[in-house]
């Protein structure tokens, strides 16, 4: 239900709100000496869980036993950029803000509480809810009785752009995370931006 008729802004977490990806890569590399940064990036050309799952099936990758413990511990040493912090507070007055991520919901919630931003987000849908971002995006549209054109997904990966496309939801690619502009544009996002100050105006233009 959406009694205020607000539109929906969906944030990816890793690489968008906070750049944890080099840290996550290092945890994986500690267990997989052969893993290159480029191969790690390739996991996110599509759905991350499926990408890494395929590598595991092929015997090319092993998930570190301590990944979640190390991720959670290191995550709490990060902070959100001041401009993004202010943007989130501004957006929360006008839109429904949510997070759709391949990280665990509880870790994201803990981090946002530390940043005093937890109240700005109505929903946090992590990998524990479902591995598919298509499923999670559609669940949010259904929950708030919104059409696909009333939502936008902000992400730093080609895979997320492709999952948003499956939902007919516009996406905004940001280049301060994992993938650069050239890779993100392969998915035909509605916009690609290079700096956090551009975010507010780009969202407003797409959802007007």
Protein backbone atom coordinates (compact mmCIF):
# COMPACT_ATOMS: atom_id res chain seq x y z
CA UNK A 1 0.00 0.00 0.00
CA UNK A 2 1.23 3.48 -0.88
CA UNK A 3 -1.26 6.02 0.54
CA UNK A 4 0.96 9.00 -0.23
CA UNK A 5 1.43 7.96 -3.88
CA UNK A 6 5.18 8.31 -3.58
CA UNK A 7 7.44 6.87 -6.24
CA UNK A 8 10.11 4.31 -5.49
CA UNK A 9 13.91 4.73 -5.40
CA UNK A 10 15.82 1.45 -5.05
CA UNK A 11 19.47 1.55 -4.05
CA UNK A 12 22.00 -1.18 -4.55
CA UNK A 13 24.26 -1.24 -1.50
CA UNK A 14 27.82 -2.39 -2.21
CA UNK A 15 29.51 0.03 -4.58
CA UNK A 16 26.69 2.59 -4.47
CA UNK A 17 26.11 3.61 -0.88
CA UNK A 18 29.53 2.41 0.26
CA UNK A 19 32.43 1.00 -1.73
CA UNK A 20 32.99 -2.32 0.01
CA UNK A 21 33.89 -4.16 -3.19
CA UNK A 22 37.71 -4.04 -2.90
CA UNK A 23 37.29 -5.40 0.61
CA UNK A 24 34.97 -8.19 -0.54
CA UNK A 25 37.34 -9.02 -3.39
CA UNK A 26 40.26 -9.37 -0.97
CA UNK A 27 38.32 -11.78 1.25
CA UNK A 28 37.57 -13.95 -1.79
CA UNK A 29 41.15 -13.68 -3.04
CA UNK A 30 42.56 -14.85 0.28
CA UNK A 31 40.86 -18.19 -0.44
CA UNK A 32 41.31 -18.09 -4.25
CA UNK A 33 44.85 -17.00 -5.05
CA UNK A 34 44.20 -17.06 -8.80
CA UNK A 35 41.25 -14.65 -8.59
CA UNK A 36 41.86 -11.40 -10.49
CA UNK A 37 39.97 -8.16 -10.05
CA UNK A 38 38.74 -8.50 -13.64
CA UNK A 39 37.32 -11.97 -12.94
CA UNK A 40 35.64 -10.67 -9.80
CA UNK A 41 34.07 -7.91 -11.87
CA UNK A 42 32.81 -10.51 -14.34
CA UNK A 43 30.75 -12.14 -11.58
CA UNK A 44 28.59 -9.01 -11.63
CA UNK A 45 27.93 -8.87 -15.37
CA UNK A 46 24.76 -10.76 -14.46
CA UNK A 47 23.25 -11.84 -11.17
CA UNK A 48 26.14 -12.08 -8.67
CA UNK A 49 24.87 -15.14 -6.84
CA UNK A 50 24.40 -16.98 -10.13
CA UNK A 51 27.77 -15.83 -11.47
CA UNK A 52 29.76 -16.97 -8.51
CA UNK A 53 27.62 -20.09 -8.20
CA UNK A 54 28.55 -21.11 -11.74
CA UNK A 55 32.25 -20.66 -10.94
CA UNK A 56 31.84 -22.84 -7.84
CA UNK A 57 30.06 -25.55 -9.85
CA UNK A 58 32.90 -25.53 -12.39
CA UNK A 59 35.44 -25.89 -9.59
CA UNK A 60 36.92 -22.48 -10.37
CA UNK A 61 36.03 -20.77 -7.09
CA UNK A 62 35.67 -21.54 -3.39
CA UNK A 63 33.62 -19.33 -1.09
CA UNK A 64 35.66 -18.43 2.01
CA UNK A 65 34.22 -20.01 5.15
CA UNK A 66 34.69 -16.74 7.03
CA UNK A 67 33.35 -14.44 4.32
CA UNK A 68 30.28 -13.14 6.16
CA UNK A 69 32.12 -12.66 9.45
CA UNK A 70 34.94 -10.74 7.75
CA UNK A 71 32.52 -8.71 5.65
CA UNK A 72 30.39 -7.69 8.63
CA UNK A 73 33.43 -6.76 10.73
CA UNK A 74 35.00 -4.66 7.98
CA UNK A 75 31.74 -3.07 6.85
CA UNK A 76 31.39 -1.22 10.13
CA UNK A 77 34.69 0.58 9.47
CA UNK A 78 33.18 2.29 6.41
CA UNK A 79 31.07 5.43 6.26
CA UNK A 80 28.77 7.01 3.69
CA UNK A 81 30.06 10.03 1.80
CA UNK A 82 28.61 13.28 3.19
CA UNK A 83 27.02 14.18 -0.15
CA UNK A 84 25.29 10.81 -0.36
CA UNK A 85 24.16 11.15 3.24
CA UNK A 86 22.54 14.50 2.53
CA UNK A 87 21.04 13.18 -0.72
CA UNK A 88 19.42 10.26 1.07
CA UNK A 89 17.89 12.55 3.68
CA UNK A 90 16.52 14.79 0.94
CA UNK A 91 15.15 11.90 -1.12
CA UNK A 92 13.47 10.30 1.89
CA UNK A 93 11.09 13.26 2.13
CA UNK A 94 9.84 12.75 -1.42
CA UNK A 95 10.21 9.09 -2.30
CA UNK A 96 10.01 5.59 -0.87
CA UNK A 97 13.64 4.57 -0.37
CA UNK A 98 14.66 0.92 -0.34
CA UNK A 99 17.77 -1.22 -0.66
CA UNK A 100 18.04 -4.30 -2.87
CA UNK A 101 21.35 -6.08 -2.42
CA UNK A 102 23.34 -9.30 -2.66
CA UNK A 103 24.60 -8.72 0.89
CA UNK A 104 22.74 -9.80 4.00
CA UNK A 105 19.87 -7.59 5.12
CA UNK A 106 20.96 -7.57 8.76
CA UNK A 107 24.45 -6.32 7.85
CA UNK A 108 23.02 -3.46 5.80
CA UNK A 109 20.55 -2.58 8.55
CA UNK A 110 23.34 -2.52 11.12
CA UNK A 111 25.45 -0.26 8.91
CA UNK A 112 22.60 2.17 8.20
CA UNK A 113 21.83 2.38 11.90
CA UNK A 114 25.45 3.28 12.56
CA UNK A 115 25.15 6.02 9.93
CA UNK A 116 21.85 7.27 11.41
CA UNK A 117 20.10 6.55 8.11
CA UNK A 118 18.08 3.42 8.90
CA UNK A 119 14.82 5.39 9.26
CA UNK A 120 15.22 6.76 5.73
CA UNK A 121 14.73 3.29 4.18
CA UNK A 122 11.43 1.43 4.37
CA UNK A 123 12.71 -1.92 3.12
CA UNK A 124 16.07 -3.72 2.97
CA UNK A 125 15.96 -6.81 0.78
CA UNK A 126 19.23 -8.70 0.91
CA UNK A 127 20.37 -12.08 -0.36
CA UNK A 128 18.66 -13.73 2.62
CA UNK A 129 15.30 -12.62 1.19
CA UNK A 130 16.03 -13.90 -2.32
CA UNK A 131 19.05 -14.24 -4.60
CA UNK A 132 17.23 -12.65 -7.56
CA UNK A 133 17.02 -8.88 -7.73
CA UNK A 134 14.26 -9.27 -10.31
CA UNK A 135 12.20 -11.02 -7.65
CA UNK A 136 12.95 -8.34 -5.06
CA UNK A 137 12.27 -5.38 -7.36
CA UNK A 138 8.95 -6.87 -8.42
CA UNK A 139 8.08 -7.57 -4.77
CA UNK A 140 8.58 -3.89 -3.96
CA UNK A 141 6.45 -2.77 -6.90
CA UNK A 142 3.70 -5.10 -5.73
CA UNK A 143 3.98 -4.05 -2.09
CA UNK A 144 3.57 -0.36 -2.91
CA UNK A 145 1.13 -0.90 -5.80
CA UNK A 146 3.38 0.92 -8.25
CA UNK A 147 3.92 0.59 -11.98
CA UNK A 148 7.43 -0.06 -13.26
CA UNK A 149 7.70 3.51 -14.59
CA UNK A 150 7.24 4.78 -11.03
CA UNK A 151 10.54 3.28 -9.86
CA UNK A 152 14.26 3.69 -10.48
CA UNK A 153 17.16 1.42 -9.49
CA UNK A 154 20.56 2.93 -8.68
CA UNK A 155 23.47 0.56 -9.23
CA UNK A 156 27.14 0.25 -10.07
CA UNK A 157 26.99 -3.02 -12.02
CA UNK A 158 25.93 -4.22 -15.44
CA UNK A 159 24.21 -7.21 -13.89
CA UNK A 160 21.89 -5.02 -11.84
CA UNK A 161 21.01 -2.90 -14.89
CA UNK A 162 20.05 -6.10 -16.69
CA UNK A 163 17.89 -7.27 -13.77
CA UNK A 164 16.16 -3.88 -13.63
CA UNK A 165 15.51 -4.18 -17.37
CA UNK A 166 13.74 -7.49 -16.76
CA UNK A 167 11.36 -5.59 -14.49
CA UNK A 168 10.98 -2.72 -17.00
CA UNK A 169 12.38 -0.43 -14.29
CA UNK A 170 14.69 2.42 -15.26
CA UNK A 171 18.19 2.30 -13.85
CA UNK A 172 20.88 4.84 -13.07
CA UNK A 173 24.42 3.56 -13.34
CA UNK A 174 27.04 5.12 -11.07
CA UNK A 175 30.73 4.91 -11.87
CA UNK A 176 32.12 5.25 -8.34
CA UNK A 177 31.62 1.51 -7.68
CA UNK A 178 32.61 -1.68 -9.50
CA UNK A 179 31.97 -1.18 -13.21
CA UNK A 180 33.05 1.75 -15.35
CA UNK A 181 30.82 3.69 -17.73
CA UNK A 182 31.71 1.56 -20.75
CA UNK A 183 30.64 -1.67 -19.05
CA UNK A 184 27.47 -0.25 -17.44
CA UNK A 185 26.29 1.24 -20.73
CA UNK A 186 26.13 -2.25 -22.26
CA UNK A 187 22.87 -2.68 -20.33
CA UNK A 188 21.30 0.55 -21.64
CA UNK A 189 20.56 2.25 -18.31
CA UNK A 190 18.48 5.41 -18.40
CA UNK A 191 21.49 7.43 -17.23
CA UNK A 192 25.08 7.00 -16.08
CA UNK A 193 26.58 9.47 -13.62
CA UNK A 194 30.11 9.98 -12.33
CA UNK A 195 29.59 11.99 -9.14
CA UNK A 196 27.18 11.77 -6.18
CA UNK A 197 26.00 15.41 -6.58
CA UNK A 198 24.39 14.39 -9.88
CA UNK A 199 22.19 11.79 -8.23
CA UNK A 200 19.34 13.91 -6.91
CA UNK A 201 18.68 15.75 -10.17
CA UNK A 202 18.92 12.56 -12.24
CA UNK A 203 16.37 10.77 -10.05
CA UNK A 204 14.01 13.74 -10.21
CA UNK A 205 14.28 13.87 -14.01
CA UNK A 206 13.51 10.17 -14.44
CA UNK A 207 10.63 10.04 -11.93
CA UNK A 208 8.97 13.36 -12.73
